[in-house]
Amino acid sequence: MSEPDPDEKIDATFRNGSLTAAGIILGFSLNFISVWVSNPNDWSRIDILPMLFLVAGIAVQVKVFADLLARDSLVAVKYDRSRKLFLIGLGIVAAGMGIALVNDILGLGKMRMLG
């Protein structure tokens, strides 16, 4: 496999579409954690695990969003790194939501997802 050209750039409209998608997904992640945290139920220790995943994943998404806003984000190598990092952050948030859902289904946590 050949080495990527460090000077290769992506088209700005392609990056802008990715930036829009990342912003929308980040907004959904922030909305989920906002609604979940504002739940009037008391917290239990087991609720901390999904919260840690959610906060870590959102932090990664915010970093990637900031990276995509940078002037040098049109450099293909930096764009590809940001894209991979965003997918990792998305996976971490999804894992946090999954853990919270399992806790809810099994009746382990006090922070209800299913009402």
PDB file of N, CA and C in Angstrom:
ATOM      1  N   MET A   1       0.856  -1.178   0.000  1.00  0.00           N
ATOM      2  CA  MET A   1       0.000   0.000   0.000  1.00  0.00           C
ATOM      3  C   MET A   1       0.896   1.232   0.000  1.00  0.00           C
ATOM      4  N   SER A   2       0.575   2.200  -0.829  1.00  0.00           N
ATOM      5  CA  SER A   2       1.412   3.389  -0.941  1.00  0.00           C
ATOM      6  C   SER A   2       1.135   4.355   0.206  1.00  0.00           C
ATOM      7  N   GLU A   3       2.136   5.146   0.534  1.00  0.00           N
ATOM      8  CA  GLU A   3       2.019   6.157   1.583  1.00  0.00           C
ATOM      9  C   GLU A   3       1.111   7.287   1.094  1.00  0.00           C
ATOM     10  N   PRO A   4       0.241   7.805   1.969  1.00  0.00           N
ATOM     11  CA  PRO A   4      -0.612   8.923   1.545  1.00  0.00           C
ATOM     12  C   PRO A   4       0.222  10.176   1.325  1.00  0.00           C
ATOM     13  N   ASP A   5      -0.194  10.954   0.349  1.00  0.00           N
ATOM     14  CA  ASP A   5       0.479  12.215   0.046  1.00  0.00           C
ATOM     15  C   ASP A   5       0.145  13.220   1.148  1.00  0.00           C
ATOM     16  N   PRO A   6       1.164  13.713   1.882  1.00  0.00           N
ATOM     17  CA  PRO A   6       0.883  14.636   2.992  1.00  0.00           C
ATOM     18  C   PRO A   6       0.291  15.973   2.538  1.00  0.00           C
ATOM     19  N   ASP A   7       0.415  16.294   1.249  1.00  0.00           N
ATOM     20  CA  ASP A   7      -0.117  17.557   0.740  1.00  0.00           C
ATOM     21  C   ASP A   7      -1.477  17.400   0.065  1.00  0.00           C
ATOM     22  N   GLU A   8      -1.969  16.170  -0.017  1.00  0.00           N
ATOM     23  CA  GLU A   8      -3.256  15.937  -0.661  1.00  0.00           C
ATOM     24  C   GLU A   8      -4.361  16.622   0.144  1.00  0.00           C
ATOM     25  N   LYS A   9      -5.274  17.266  -0.562  1.00  0.00           N
ATOM     26  CA  LYS A   9      -6.380  17.963   0.089  1.00  0.00           C
ATOM     27  C   LYS A   9      -7.699  17.383  -0.391  1.00  0.00           C
ATOM     28  N   ILE A  10      -8.711  17.512   0.471  1.00  0.00           N
ATOM     29  CA  ILE A  10     -10.050  17.092   0.085  1.00  0.00           C
ATOM     30  C   ILE A  10     -10.827  18.328  -0.353  1.00  0.00           C
ATOM     31  N   ASP A  11     -11.919  18.104  -1.044  1.00  0.00           N
ATOM     32  CA  ASP A  11     -12.758  19.201  -1.493  1.00  0.00           C
ATOM     33  C   ASP A  11     -13.479  19.807  -0.285  1.00  0.00           C
ATOM     34  N   ALA A  12     -13.566  21.114  -0.238  1.00  0.00           N
ATOM     35  CA  ALA A  12     -14.177  21.809   0.897  1.00  0.00           C
ATOM     36  C   ALA A  12     -15.639  21.427   1.072  1.00  0.00           C
ATOM     37  N   THR A  13     -16.365  21.203  -0.022  1.00  0.00           N
ATOM     38  CA  THR A  13     -17.776  20.838   0.109  1.00  0.00           C
ATOM     39  C   THR A  13     -17.929  19.462   0.746  1.00  0.00           C
ATOM     40  N   PHE A  14     -16.988  18.559   0.477  1.00  0.00           N
ATOM     41  CA  PHE A  14     -17.010  17.239   1.109  1.00  0.00           C
ATOM     42  C   PHE A  14     -16.793  17.376   2.606  1.00  0.00           C
ATOM     43  N   ARG A  15     -15.822  18.180   2.995  1.00  0.00           N
ATOM     44  CA  ARG A  15     -15.559  18.414   4.419  1.00  0.00           C
ATOM     45  C   ARG A  15     -16.747  19.085   5.086  1.00  0.00           C
ATOM     46  N   ASN A  16     -17.388  20.020   4.385  1.00  0.00           N
ATOM     47  CA  ASN A  16     -18.545  20.725   4.954  1.00  0.00           C
ATOM     48  C   ASN A  16     -19.705  19.771   5.224  1.00  0.00           C
ATOM     49  N   GLY A  17     -19.911  18.799   4.344  1.00  0.00           N
ATOM     50  CA  GLY A  17     -20.946  17.800   4.570  1.00  0.00           C
ATOM     51  C   GLY A  17     -20.641  16.953   5.786  1.00  0.00           C
ATOM     52  N   SER A  18     -19.378  16.575   5.931  1.00  0.00           N
ATOM     53  CA  SER A  18     -18.960  15.794   7.095  1.00  0.00           C
ATOM     54  C   SER A  18     -19.110  16.612   8.369  1.00  0.00           C
ATOM     55  N   LEU A  19     -18.792  17.885   8.286  1.00  0.00           N
ATOM     56  CA  LEU A  19     -18.926  18.785   9.438  1.00  0.00           C
ATOM     57  C   LEU A  19     -20.395  18.903   9.853  1.00  0.00           C
ATOM     58  N   THR A  20     -21.281  18.999   8.873  1.00  0.00           N
ATOM     59  CA  THR A  20     -22.713  19.068   9.164  1.00  0.00           C
ATOM     60  C   THR A  20     -23.192  17.788   9.833  1.00  0.00           C
ATOM     61  N   ALA A  21     -22.807  16.649   9.280  1.00  0.00           N
ATOM     62  CA  ALA A  21     -23.216  15.367   9.855  1.00  0.00           C
ATOM     63  C   ALA A  21     -22.677  15.212  11.275  1.00  0.00           C
ATOM     64  N   ALA A  22     -21.419  15.569  11.480  1.00  0.00           N
ATOM     65  CA  ALA A  22     -20.818  15.469  12.816  1.00  0.00           C
ATOM     66  C   ALA A  22     -21.542  16.391  13.795  1.00  0.00           C
ATOM     67  N   GLY A  23     -21.902  17.583  13.352  1.00  0.00           N
ATOM     68  CA  GLY A  23     -22.617  18.528  14.212  1.00  0.00           C
ATOM     69  C   GLY A  23     -23.994  18.026  14.602  1.00  0.00           C
ATOM     70  N   ILE A  24     -24.691  17.405  13.661  1.00  0.00           N
ATOM     71  CA  ILE A  24     -26.024  16.877  13.953  1.00  0.00           C
ATOM     72  C   ILE A  24     -25.930  15.719  14.947  1.00  0.00           C
ATOM     73  N   ILE A  25     -25.002  14.816  14.722  1.00  0.00           N
ATOM     74  CA  ILE A  25     -24.832  13.676  15.631  1.00  0.00           C
ATOM     75  C   ILE A  25     -24.380  14.151  17.006  1.00  0.00           C
ATOM     76  N   LEU A  26     -23.489  15.131  17.054  1.00  0.00           N
ATOM     77  CA  LEU A  26     -23.066  15.701  18.333  1.00  0.00           C
ATOM     78  C   LEU A  26     -24.267  16.324  19.044  1.00  0.00           C
ATOM     79  N   GLY A  27     -25.117  17.007  18.301  1.00  0.00           N
ATOM     80  CA  GLY A  27     -26.322  17.595  18.889  1.00  0.00           C
ATOM     81  C   GLY A  27     -27.239  16.537  19.478  1.00  0.00           C
ATOM     82  N   PHE A  28     -27.434  15.419  18.761  1.00  0.00           N
ATOM     83  CA  PHE A  28     -28.243  14.328  19.303  1.00  0.00           C
ATOM     84  C   PHE A  28     -27.618  13.758  20.568  1.00  0.00           C
ATOM     85  N   SER A  29     -26.306  13.604  20.578  1.00  0.00           N
ATOM     86  CA  SER A  29     -25.613  13.069  21.758  1.00  0.00           C
ATOM     87  C   SER A  29     -25.785  13.998  22.950  1.00  0.00           C
ATOM     88  N   LEU A  30     -25.610  15.285  22.718  1.00  0.00           N
ATOM     89  CA  LEU A  30     -25.768  16.260  23.800  1.00  0.00           C
ATOM     90  C   LEU A  30     -27.209  16.306  24.293  1.00  0.00           C
ATOM     91  N   ASN A  31     -28.165  16.205  23.371  1.00  0.00           N
ATOM     92  CA  ASN A  31     -29.571  16.198  23.763  1.00  0.00           C
ATOM     93  C   ASN A  31     -29.893  14.965  24.610  1.00  0.00           C
ATOM     94  N   PHE A  32     -29.365  13.814  24.199  1.00  0.00           N
ATOM     95  CA  PHE A  32     -29.633  12.591  24.969  1.00  0.00           C
ATOM     96  C   PHE A  32     -29.110  12.722  26.392  1.00  0.00           C
ATOM     97  N   ILE A  33     -27.868  13.160  26.530  1.00  0.00           N
ATOM     98  CA  ILE A  33     -27.288  13.251  27.872  1.00  0.00           C
ATOM     99  C   ILE A  33     -28.011  14.319  28.690  1.00  0.00           C
ATOM    100  N   SER A  34     -28.464  15.387  28.057  1.00  0.00           N
ATOM    101  CA  SER A  34     -29.192  16.439  28.759  1.00  0.00           C
ATOM    102  C   SER A  34     -30.516  15.914  29.315  1.00  0.00           C
ATOM    103  N   VAL A  35     -31.259  15.204  28.493  1.00  0.00           N
ATOM    104  CA  VAL A  35     -32.538  14.646  28.926  1.00  0.00           C
ATOM    105  C   VAL A  35     -32.309  13.589  30.010  1.00  0.00           C
ATOM    106  N   TRP A  36     -31.302  12.760  29.816  1.00  0.00           N
ATOM    107  CA  TRP A  36     -31.029  11.683  30.769  1.00  0.00           C
ATOM    108  C   TRP A  36     -30.607  12.244  32.132  1.00  0.00           C
ATOM    109  N   VAL A  37     -29.757  13.251  32.123  1.00  0.00           N
ATOM    110  CA  VAL A  37     -29.264  13.840  33.376  1.00  0.00           C
ATOM    111  C   VAL A  37     -30.376  14.609  34.093  1.00  0.00           C
ATOM    112  N   SER A  38     -31.289  15.214  33.343  1.00  0.00           N
ATOM    113  CA  SER A  38     -32.350  15.996  33.976  1.00  0.00           C
ATOM    114  C   SER A  38     -33.492  15.115  34.487  1.00  0.00           C
ATOM    115  N   ASN A  39     -33.361  13.813  34.337  1.00  0.00           N
ATOM    116  CA  ASN A  39     -34.339  12.865  34.872  1.00  0.00           C
ATOM    117  C   ASN A  39     -34.445  13.075  36.381  1.00  0.00           C
ATOM    118  N   PRO A  40     -35.653  13.176  36.930  1.00  0.00           N
ATOM    119  CA  PRO A  40     -35.794  13.474  38.362  1.00  0.00           C
ATOM    120  C   PRO A  40     -35.438  12.308  39.291  1.00  0.00           C
ATOM    121  N   ASN A  41     -35.216  11.117  38.755  1.00  0.00           N
ATOM    122  CA  ASN A  41     -34.890   9.966  39.601  1.00  0.00           C
ATOM    123  C   ASN A  41     -33.518  10.137  40.248  1.00  0.00           C
ATOM    124  N   ASP A  42     -33.330   9.453  41.364  1.00  0.00           N
ATOM    125  CA  ASP A  42     -32.030   9.468  42.036  1.00  0.00           C
ATOM    126  C   ASP A  42     -31.035   8.625  41.246  1.00  0.00           C
ATOM    127  N   TRP A  43     -29.762   8.950  41.432  1.00  0.00           N
ATOM    128  CA  TRP A  43     -28.696   8.205  40.782  1.00  0.00           C
ATOM    129  C   TRP A  43     -28.289   7.019  41.646  1.00  0.00           C
ATOM    130  N   SER A  44     -27.828   5.963  41.010  1.00  0.00           N
ATOM    131  CA  SER A  44     -27.219   4.848  41.724  1.00  0.00           C
ATOM    132  C   SER A  44     -25.801   4.672  41.175  1.00  0.00           C
ATOM    133  N   ARG A  45     -25.012   3.870  41.859  1.00  0.00           N
ATOM    134  CA  ARG A  45     -23.616   3.686  41.417  1.00  0.00           C
ATOM    135  C   ARG A  45     -23.520   3.128  40.016  1.00  0.00           C
ATOM    136  N   ILE A  46     -24.432   2.249  39.657  1.00  0.00           N
ATOM    137  CA  ILE A  46     -24.357   1.623  38.342  1.00  0.00           C
ATOM    138  C   ILE A  46     -24.653   2.616  37.214  1.00  0.00           C
ATOM    139  N   ASP A  47     -25.318   3.719  37.534  1.00  0.00           N
ATOM    140  CA  ASP A  47     -25.604   4.744  36.524  1.00  0.00           C
ATOM    141  C   ASP A  47     -24.341   5.515  36.127  1.00  0.00           C
ATOM    142  N   ILE A  48     -23.312   5.410  36.926  1.00  0.00           N
ATOM    143  CA  ILE A  48     -22.062   6.132  36.635  1.00  0.00           C
ATOM    144  C   ILE A  48     -21.370   5.552  35.402  1.00  0.00           C
ATOM    145  N   LEU A  49     -21.433   4.236  35.221  1.00  0.00           N
ATOM    146  CA  LEU A  49     -20.750   3.607  34.083  1.00  0.00           C
ATOM    147  C   LEU A  49     -21.234   4.140  32.735  1.00  0.00           C
ATOM    148  N   PRO A  50     -22.547   4.119  32.450  1.00  0.00           N
ATOM    149  CA  PRO A  50     -22.958   4.678  31.158  1.00  0.00           C
ATOM    150  C   PRO A  50     -22.665   6.171  31.052  1.00  0.00           C
ATOM    151  N   MET A  51     -22.744   6.883  32.189  1.00  0.00           N
ATOM    152  CA  MET A  51     -22.455   8.319  32.150  1.00  0.00           C
ATOM    153  C   MET A  51     -21.003   8.572  31.739  1.00  0.00           C
ATOM    154  N   LEU A  52     -20.081   7.746  32.260  1.00  0.00           N
ATOM    155  CA  LEU A  52     -18.668   7.899  31.878  1.00  0.00           C
ATOM    156  C   LEU A  52     -18.477   7.665  30.383  1.00  0.00           C
ATOM    157  N   PHE A  53     -19.137   6.646  29.840  1.00  0.00           N
ATOM    158  CA  PHE A  53     -19.057   6.384  28.404  1.00  0.00           C
ATOM    159  C   PHE A  53     -19.619   7.556  27.604  1.00  0.00           C
ATOM    160  N   LEU A  54     -20.786   8.052  28.033  1.00  0.00           N
ATOM    161  CA  LEU A  54     -21.418   9.160  27.316  1.00  0.00           C
ATOM    162  C   LEU A  54     -20.535  10.406  27.327  1.00  0.00           C
ATOM    163  N   VAL A  55     -20.003  10.751  28.486  1.00  0.00           N
ATOM    164  CA  VAL A  55     -19.167  11.955  28.589  1.00  0.00           C
ATOM    165  C   VAL A  55     -17.887  11.793  27.762  1.00  0.00           C
ATOM    166  N   ALA A  56     -17.267  10.620  27.835  1.00  0.00           N
ATOM    167  CA  ALA A  56     -16.033  10.392  27.064  1.00  0.00           C
ATOM    168  C   ALA A  56     -16.306  10.446  25.564  1.00  0.00           C
ATOM    169  N   GLY A  57     -17.375   9.800  25.124  1.00  0.00           N
ATOM    170  CA  GLY A  57     -17.702   9.801  23.699  1.00  0.00           C
ATOM    171  C   GLY A  57     -18.047  11.185  23.181  1.00  0.00           C
ATOM    172  N   ILE A  58     -18.785  11.945  23.972  1.00  0.00           N
ATOM    173  CA  ILE A  58     -19.131  13.312  23.567  1.00  0.00           C
ATOM    174  C   ILE A  58     -17.886  14.189  23.536  1.00  0.00           C
ATOM    175  N   ALA A  59     -16.977  13.990  24.476  1.00  0.00           N
ATOM    176  CA  ALA A  59     -15.724  14.753  24.466  1.00  0.00           C
ATOM    177  C   ALA A  59     -14.934  14.483  23.186  1.00  0.00           C
ATOM    178  N   VAL A  60     -14.901  13.234  22.753  1.00  0.00           N
ATOM    179  CA  VAL A  60     -14.218  12.896  21.501  1.00  0.00           C
ATOM    180  C   VAL A  60     -14.928  13.565  20.325  1.00  0.00           C
ATOM    181  N   GLN A  61     -16.249  13.527  20.317  1.00  0.00           N
ATOM    182  CA  GLN A  61     -17.004  14.160  19.228  1.00  0.00           C
ATOM    183  C   GLN A  61     -16.756  15.667  19.179  1.00  0.00           C
ATOM    184  N   VAL A  62     -16.699  16.313  20.329  1.00  0.00           N
ATOM    185  CA  VAL A  62     -16.446  17.762  20.373  1.00  0.00           C
ATOM    186  C   VAL A  62     -15.047  18.063  19.841  1.00  0.00           C
ATOM    187  N   LYS A  63     -14.058  17.238  20.220  1.00  0.00           N
ATOM    188  CA  LYS A  63     -12.689  17.448  19.726  1.00  0.00           C
ATOM    189  C   LYS A  63     -12.643  17.322  18.209  1.00  0.00           C
ATOM    190  N   VAL A  64     -13.316  16.314  17.677  1.00  0.00           N
ATOM    191  CA  VAL A  64     -13.342  16.120  16.229  1.00  0.00           C
ATOM    192  C   VAL A  64     -14.060  17.278  15.550  1.00  0.00           C
ATOM    193  N   PHE A  65     -15.161  17.746  16.122  1.00  0.00           N
ATOM    194  CA  PHE A  65     -15.878  18.878  15.554  1.00  0.00           C
ATOM    195  C   PHE A  65     -14.968  20.097  15.484  1.00  0.00           C
ATOM    196  N   ALA A  66     -14.218  20.338  16.552  1.00  0.00           N
ATOM    197  CA  ALA A  66     -13.264  21.451  16.559  1.00  0.00           C
ATOM    198  C   ALA A  66     -12.170  21.232  15.513  1.00  0.00           C
ATOM    199  N   ASP A  67     -11.690  19.994  15.377  1.00  0.00           N
ATOM    200  CA  ASP A  67     -10.665  19.697  14.372  1.00  0.00           C
ATOM    201  C   ASP A  67     -11.181  19.947  12.962  1.00  0.00           C
ATOM    202  N   LEU A  68     -12.447  19.600  12.710  1.00  0.00           N
ATOM    203  CA  LEU A  68     -13.018  19.813  11.374  1.00  0.00           C
ATOM    204  C   LEU A  68     -13.247  21.294  11.080  1.00  0.00           C
ATOM    205  N   LEU A  69     -13.345  22.109  12.121  1.00  0.00           N
ATOM    206  CA  LEU A  69     -13.492  23.552  11.919  1.00  0.00           C
ATOM    207  C   LEU A  69     -12.155  24.244  11.668  1.00  0.00           C
ATOM    208  N   ALA A  70     -11.058  23.555  11.943  1.00  0.00           N
ATOM    209  CA  ALA A  70      -9.733  24.151  11.775  1.00  0.00           C
ATOM    210  C   ALA A  70      -9.413  24.367  10.293  1.00  0.00           C
ATOM    211  N   ARG A  71      -8.572  25.335  10.028  1.00  0.00           N
ATOM    212  CA  ARG A  71      -8.206  25.667   8.645  1.00  0.00           C
ATOM    213  C   ARG A  71      -7.496  24.528   7.937  1.00  0.00           C
ATOM    214  N   ASP A  72      -6.720  23.748   8.680  1.00  0.00           N
ATOM    215  CA  ASP A  72      -5.952  22.679   8.047  1.00  0.00           C
ATOM    216  C   ASP A  72      -6.736  21.369   7.926  1.00  0.00           C
ATOM    217  N   SER A  73      -8.042  21.409   8.188  1.00  0.00           N
ATOM    218  CA  SER A  73      -8.841  20.181   8.128  1.00  0.00           C
ATOM    219  C   SER A  73      -9.068  19.702   6.696  1.00  0.00           C
ATOM    220  N   LEU A  74      -8.712  20.506   5.717  1.00  0.00           N
ATOM    221  CA  LEU A  74      -8.834  20.080   4.324  1.00  0.00           C
ATOM    222  C   LEU A  74      -7.688  19.177   3.901  1.00  0.00           C
ATOM    223  N   VAL A  75      -6.653  19.069   4.726  1.00  0.00           N
ATOM    224  CA  VAL A  75      -5.555  18.145   4.438  1.00  0.00           C
ATOM    225  C   VAL A  75      -6.099  16.737   4.639  1.00  0.00           C
ATOM    226  N   ALA A  76      -5.965  15.898   3.618  1.00  0.00           N
ATOM    227  CA  ALA A  76      -6.602  14.584   3.613  1.00  0.00           C
ATOM    228  C   ALA A  76      -6.193  13.727   4.813  1.00  0.00           C
ATOM    229  N   VAL A  77      -4.934  13.757   5.184  1.00  0.00           N
ATOM    230  CA  VAL A  77      -4.459  12.940   6.307  1.00  0.00           C
ATOM    231  C   VAL A  77      -5.157  13.367   7.604  1.00  0.00           C
ATOM    232  N   LYS A  78      -5.266  14.670   7.832  1.00  0.00           N
ATOM    233  CA  LYS A  78      -5.919  15.173   9.041  1.00  0.00           C
ATOM    234  C   LYS A  78      -7.416  14.895   9.002  1.00  0.00           C
ATOM    235  N   TYR A  79      -8.018  15.034   7.838  1.00  0.00           N
ATOM    236  CA  TYR A  79      -9.446  14.746   7.697  1.00  0.00           C
ATOM    237  C   TYR A  79      -9.721  13.277   7.997  1.00  0.00           C
ATOM    238  N   ASP A  80      -8.912  12.382   7.428  1.00  0.00           N
ATOM    239  CA  ASP A  80      -9.103  10.945   7.654  1.00  0.00           C
ATOM    240  C   ASP A  80      -8.955  10.588   9.126  1.00  0.00           C
ATOM    241  N   ARG A  81      -7.997  11.200   9.803  1.00  0.00           N
ATOM    242  CA  ARG A  81      -7.806  10.950  11.234  1.00  0.00           C
ATOM    243  C   ARG A  81      -9.024  11.430  12.015  1.00  0.00           C
ATOM    244  N   SER A  82      -9.533  12.601  11.666  1.00  0.00           N
ATOM    245  CA  SER A  82     -10.715  13.140  12.346  1.00  0.00           C
ATOM    246  C   SER A  82     -11.933  12.255  12.119  1.00  0.00           C
ATOM    247  N   ARG A  83     -12.082  11.757  10.905  1.00  0.00           N
ATOM    248  CA  ARG A  83     -13.219  10.887  10.586  1.00  0.00           C
ATOM    249  C   ARG A  83     -13.167   9.602  11.408  1.00  0.00           C
ATOM    250  N   LYS A  84     -11.988   8.996  11.499  1.00  0.00           N
ATOM    251  CA  LYS A  84     -11.838   7.767  12.286  1.00  0.00           C
ATOM    252  C   LYS A  84     -12.091   8.043  13.769  1.00  0.00           C
ATOM    253  N   LEU A  85     -11.578   9.149  14.260  1.00  0.00           N
ATOM    254  CA  LEU A  85     -11.768   9.502  15.664  1.00  0.00           C
ATOM    255  C   LEU A  85     -13.244   9.778  15.963  1.00  0.00           C
ATOM    256  N   PHE A  86     -13.951  10.394  15.016  1.00  0.00           N
ATOM    257  CA  PHE A  86     -15.374  10.647  15.216  1.00  0.00           C
ATOM    258  C   PHE A  86     -16.145   9.340  15.332  1.00  0.00           C
ATOM    259  N   LEU A  87     -15.825   8.373  14.486  1.00  0.00           N
ATOM    260  CA  LEU A  87     -16.506   7.081  14.551  1.00  0.00           C
ATOM    261  C   LEU A  87     -16.223   6.372  15.872  1.00  0.00           C
ATOM    262  N   ILE A  88     -15.020   6.536  16.403  1.00  0.00           N
ATOM    263  CA  ILE A  88     -14.699   5.973  17.715  1.00  0.00           C
ATOM    264  C   ILE A  88     -15.560   6.645  18.785  1.00  0.00           C
ATOM    265  N   GLY A  89     -15.640   7.980  18.749  1.00  0.00           N
ATOM    266  CA  GLY A  89     -16.473   8.712  19.699  1.00  0.00           C
ATOM    267  C   GLY A  89     -17.932   8.315  19.598  1.00  0.00           C
ATOM    268  N   LEU A  90     -18.413   8.124  18.387  1.00  0.00           N
ATOM    269  CA  LEU A  90     -19.795   7.701  18.172  1.00  0.00           C
ATOM    270  C   LEU A  90     -20.018   6.317  18.768  1.00  0.00           C
ATOM    271  N   GLY A  91     -19.047   5.428  18.591  1.00  0.00           N
ATOM    272  CA  GLY A  91     -19.141   4.089  19.167  1.00  0.00           C
ATOM    273  C   GLY A  91     -19.166   4.114  20.687  1.00  0.00           C
ATOM    274  N   ILE A  92     -18.368   5.003  21.282  1.00  0.00           N
ATOM    275  CA  ILE A  92     -18.336   5.124  22.740  1.00  0.00           C
ATOM    276  C   ILE A  92     -19.682   5.631  23.265  1.00  0.00           C
ATOM    277  N   VAL A  93     -20.259   6.623  22.593  1.00  0.00           N
ATOM    278  CA  VAL A  93     -21.577   7.130  22.994  1.00  0.00           C
ATOM    279  C   VAL A  93     -22.629   6.026  22.843  1.00  0.00           C
ATOM    280  N   ALA A  94     -22.578   5.303  21.742  1.00  0.00           N
ATOM    281  CA  ALA A  94     -23.537   4.209  21.534  1.00  0.00           C
ATOM    282  C   ALA A  94     -23.392   3.147  22.622  1.00  0.00           C
ATOM    283  N   ALA A  95     -22.160   2.852  23.019  1.00  0.00           N
ATOM    284  CA  ALA A  95     -21.940   1.883  24.097  1.00  0.00           C
ATOM    285  C   ALA A  95     -22.545   2.393  25.400  1.00  0.00           C
ATOM    286  N   GLY A  96     -22.370   3.677  25.686  1.00  0.00           N
ATOM    287  CA  GLY A  96     -22.957   4.261  26.891  1.00  0.00           C
ATOM    288  C   GLY A  96     -24.470   4.174  26.880  1.00  0.00           C
ATOM    289  N   MET A  97     -25.080   4.461  25.731  1.00  0.00           N
ATOM    290  CA  MET A  97     -26.538   4.349  25.620  1.00  0.00           C
ATOM    291  C   MET A  97     -26.972   2.896  25.776  1.00  0.00           C
ATOM    292  N   GLY A  98     -26.201   1.991  25.199  1.00  0.00           N
ATOM    293  CA  GLY A  98     -26.518   0.567  25.312  1.00  0.00           C
ATOM    294  C   GLY A  98     -26.443   0.077  26.750  1.00  0.00           C
ATOM    295  N   ILE A  99     -25.403   0.497  27.456  1.00  0.00           N
ATOM    296  CA  ILE A  99     -25.259   0.110  28.863  1.00  0.00           C
ATOM    297  C   ILE A  99     -26.423   0.673  29.680  1.00  0.00           C
ATOM    298  N   ALA A 100     -26.776   1.926  29.436  1.00  0.00           N
ATOM    299  CA  ALA A 100     -27.902   2.533  30.150  1.00  0.00           C
ATOM    300  C   ALA A 100     -29.200   1.785  29.861  1.00  0.00           C
ATOM    301  N   LEU A 101     -29.391   1.383  28.620  1.00  0.00           N
ATOM    302  CA  LEU A 101     -30.594   0.648  28.243  1.00  0.00           C
ATOM    303  C   LEU A 101     -30.635  -0.720  28.918  1.00  0.00           C
ATOM    304  N   VAL A 102     -29.513  -1.425  28.929  1.00  0.00           N
ATOM    305  CA  VAL A 102     -29.452  -2.733  29.600  1.00  0.00           C
ATOM    306  C   VAL A 102     -29.716  -2.573  31.093  1.00  0.00           C
ATOM    307  N   ASN A 103     -29.112  -1.551  31.702  1.00  0.00           N
ATOM    308  CA  ASN A 103     -29.367  -1.285  33.123  1.00  0.00           C
ATOM    309  C   ASN A 103     -30.853  -1.069  33.373  1.00  0.00           C
ATOM    310  N   ASP A 104     -31.487  -0.333  32.464  1.00  0.00           N
ATOM    311  CA  ASP A 104     -32.913  -0.038  32.603  1.00  0.00           C
ATOM    312  C   ASP A 104     -33.745  -1.308  32.444  1.00  0.00           C
ATOM    313  N   ILE A 105     -33.450  -2.093  31.433  1.00  0.00           N
ATOM    314  CA  ILE A 105     -34.204  -3.322  31.174  1.00  0.00           C
ATOM    315  C   ILE A 105     -34.080  -4.297  32.345  1.00  0.00           C
ATOM    316  N   LEU A 106     -32.861  -4.401  32.888  1.00  0.00           N
ATOM    317  CA  LEU A 106     -32.627  -5.329  33.999  1.00  0.00           C
ATOM    318  C   LEU A 106     -33.026  -4.749  35.353  1.00  0.00           C
ATOM    319  N   GLY A 107     -33.412  -3.481  35.384  1.00  0.00           N
ATOM    320  CA  GLY A 107     -33.809  -2.840  36.635  1.00  0.00           C
ATOM    321  C   GLY A 107     -32.645  -2.552  37.566  1.00  0.00           C
ATOM    322  N   LEU A 108     -31.450  -2.412  37.015  1.00  0.00           N
ATOM    323  CA  LEU A 108     -30.256  -2.197  37.828  1.00  0.00           C
ATOM    324  C   LEU A 108     -30.067  -0.731  38.211  1.00  0.00           C
ATOM    325  N   GLY A 109     -30.310   0.162  37.295  1.00  0.00           N
ATOM    326  CA  GLY A 109     -30.100   1.579  37.548  1.00  0.00           C
ATOM    327  C   GLY A 109     -31.386   2.284  37.904  1.00  0.00           C
ATOM    328  N   LYS A 110     -31.243   3.477  38.416  1.00  0.00           N
ATOM    329  CA  LYS A 110     -32.424   4.280  38.758  1.00  0.00           C
ATOM    330  C   LYS A 110     -32.736   5.322  37.690  1.00  0.00           C
ATOM    331  N   MET A 111     -31.814   5.542  36.773  1.00  0.00           N
ATOM    332  CA  MET A 111     -32.029   6.505  35.693  1.00  0.00           C
ATOM    333  C   MET A 111     -32.763   5.770  34.565  1.00  0.00           C
ATOM    334  N   ARG A 112     -34.056   6.016  34.439  1.00  0.00           N
ATOM    335  CA  ARG A 112     -34.901   5.291  33.498  1.00  0.00           C
ATOM    336  C   ARG A 112     -34.763   5.837  32.080  1.00  0.00           C
ATOM    337  N   MET A 113     -34.676   4.941  31.109  1.00  0.00           N
ATOM    338  CA  MET A 113     -34.683   5.313  29.701  1.00  0.00           C
ATOM    339  C   MET A 113     -36.037   5.014  29.067  1.00  0.00           C
ATOM    340  N   LEU A 114     -36.686   4.000  29.568  1.00  0.00           N
ATOM    341  CA  LEU A 114     -37.901   3.497  28.915  1.00  0.00           C
ATOM    342  C   LEU A 114     -39.187   4.022  29.554  1.00  0.00           C
ATOM    343  N   GLY A 115     -39.061   4.957  30.487  1.00  0.00           N
ATOM    344  CA  GLY A 115     -40.244   5.582  31.043  1.00  0.00           C
ATOM    345  C   GLY A 115     -40.760   5.020  32.305  1.00  0.00           C
TER     346      GLY A 115
END
